[in-house]
Amino acid sequence: MINKNISEISNTELTERISILQSKERSIVLKFLTHLGEFDNRRLYLEQGYSSLFDYCVRKLKLS
């Protein structure tokens, strides 16, 4: 993707970019969840002072 000011791109290009970004987001979320699952299996949140994976996700990662 060319780094143009987003307000300067065509409607078609904007629509295409949204589709590409959505695809990338899904891939990244899958990788994130896979890593988070392994983090949980190893109980690494305990080493960092969190009582649970939920506690780690809310307080450290700022997830809700």
C-alpha atoms as a PDB file:
ATOM      1  CA  MET A   1       0.000   0.000   0.000  1.00  0.00           C
ATOM      2  CA  ILE A   2       1.274   3.411  -0.938  1.00  0.00           C
ATOM      3  CA  ASN A   3       1.382   5.881   1.929  1.00  0.00           C
ATOM      4  CA  LYS A   4      -0.958   8.567   0.645  1.00  0.00           C
ATOM      5  CA  ASN A   5      -3.089  10.775   2.781  1.00  0.00           C
ATOM      6  CA  ILE A   6      -6.174   8.634   3.344  1.00  0.00           C
ATOM      7  CA  SER A   7      -8.464  11.491   2.327  1.00  0.00           C
ATOM      8  CA  GLU A   8      -6.790  11.556  -1.098  1.00  0.00           C
ATOM      9  CA  ILE A   9      -7.382   7.951  -2.116  1.00  0.00           C
ATOM     10  CA  SER A  10     -10.243   6.883  -4.353  1.00  0.00           C
ATOM     11  CA  ASN A  11     -13.338   5.138  -3.064  1.00  0.00           C
ATOM     12  CA  THR A  12     -12.257   1.968  -4.860  1.00  0.00           C
ATOM     13  CA  GLU A  13      -8.802   2.022  -3.288  1.00  0.00           C
ATOM     14  CA  LEU A  14     -10.269   2.697   0.147  1.00  0.00           C
ATOM     15  CA  THR A  15     -12.634  -0.255  -0.235  1.00  0.00           C
ATOM     16  CA  GLU A  16      -9.771  -2.504  -1.386  1.00  0.00           C
ATOM     17  CA  ARG A  17      -7.586  -1.423   1.518  1.00  0.00           C
ATOM     18  CA  ILE A  18     -10.321  -2.218   4.019  1.00  0.00           C
ATOM     19  CA  SER A  19     -10.573  -5.764   2.655  1.00  0.00           C
ATOM     20  CA  ILE A  20      -6.793  -6.227   2.775  1.00  0.00           C
ATOM     21  CA  LEU A  21      -6.556  -4.867   6.298  1.00  0.00           C
ATOM     22  CA  GLN A  22      -9.417  -7.066   7.487  1.00  0.00           C
ATOM     23  CA  SER A  23      -7.624 -10.119   6.141  1.00  0.00           C
ATOM     24  CA  LYS A  24      -4.389  -9.109   7.865  1.00  0.00           C
ATOM     25  CA  GLU A  25      -6.253  -8.438  11.099  1.00  0.00           C
ATOM     26  CA  ARG A  26      -7.713 -11.957  11.134  1.00  0.00           C
ATOM     27  CA  SER A  27      -4.274 -13.461  10.601  1.00  0.00           C
ATOM     28  CA  ILE A  28      -2.746 -11.398  13.394  1.00  0.00           C
ATOM     29  CA  VAL A  29      -5.606 -12.153  15.795  1.00  0.00           C
ATOM     30  CA  LEU A  30      -5.169 -15.885  15.128  1.00  0.00           C
ATOM     31  CA  LYS A  31      -1.422 -15.625  15.859  1.00  0.00           C
ATOM     32  CA  PHE A  32      -2.119 -13.555  18.974  1.00  0.00           C
ATOM     33  CA  LEU A  33      -4.621 -16.085  20.325  1.00  0.00           C
ATOM     34  CA  THR A  34      -2.301 -19.005  19.586  1.00  0.00           C
ATOM     35  CA  HIS A  35       0.513 -17.300  21.479  1.00  0.00           C
ATOM     36  CA  LEU A  36      -1.824 -16.323  24.308  1.00  0.00           C
ATOM     37  CA  GLY A  37      -2.947 -19.954  24.600  1.00  0.00           C
ATOM     38  CA  GLU A  38       0.655 -21.125  24.950  1.00  0.00           C
ATOM     39  CA  PHE A  39       1.303 -18.313  27.436  1.00  0.00           C
ATOM     40  CA  ASP A  40      -1.642 -19.671  29.440  1.00  0.00           C
ATOM     41  CA  ASN A  41      -0.460 -23.290  29.160  1.00  0.00           C
ATOM     42  CA  ARG A  42       2.894 -22.252  30.604  1.00  0.00           C
ATOM     43  CA  ARG A  43       1.164 -20.113  33.251  1.00  0.00           C
ATOM     44  CA  LEU A  44       3.638 -17.317  32.529  1.00  0.00           C
ATOM     45  CA  TYR A  45       1.258 -14.713  33.922  1.00  0.00           C
ATOM     46  CA  LEU A  46       2.144 -16.017  37.402  1.00  0.00           C
ATOM     47  CA  GLU A  47       5.828 -15.161  36.896  1.00  0.00           C
ATOM     48  CA  GLN A  48       4.782 -11.621  36.057  1.00  0.00           C
ATOM     49  CA  GLY A  49       2.687 -11.219  39.196  1.00  0.00           C
ATOM     50  CA  TYR A  50      -0.791 -11.774  37.780  1.00  0.00           C
ATOM     51  CA  SER A  51      -3.227 -14.196  39.386  1.00  0.00           C
ATOM     52  CA  SER A  52      -4.762 -15.448  36.136  1.00  0.00           C
ATOM     53  CA  LEU A  53      -4.642 -15.081  32.390  1.00  0.00           C
ATOM     54  CA  PHE A  54      -7.765 -12.936  32.646  1.00  0.00           C
ATOM     55  CA  ASP A  55      -6.025 -10.642  35.136  1.00  0.00           C
ATOM     56  CA  TYR A  56      -2.992 -10.418  32.816  1.00  0.00           C
ATOM     57  CA  CYS A  57      -5.146  -9.632  29.780  1.00  0.00           C
ATOM     58  CA  VAL A  58      -7.119  -6.910  31.538  1.00  0.00           C
ATOM     59  CA  ARG A  59      -4.367  -5.236  33.523  1.00  0.00           C
ATOM     60  CA  LYS A  60      -1.269  -5.760  31.373  1.00  0.00           C
ATOM     61  CA  LEU A  61      -2.685  -5.936  27.850  1.00  0.00           C
ATOM     62  CA  LYS A  62      -5.579  -3.523  28.519  1.00  0.00           C
ATOM     63  CA  LEU A  63      -8.108  -5.891  26.925  1.00  0.00           C
ATOM     64  CA  SER A  64     -11.740  -5.818  27.948  1.00  0.00           C
END
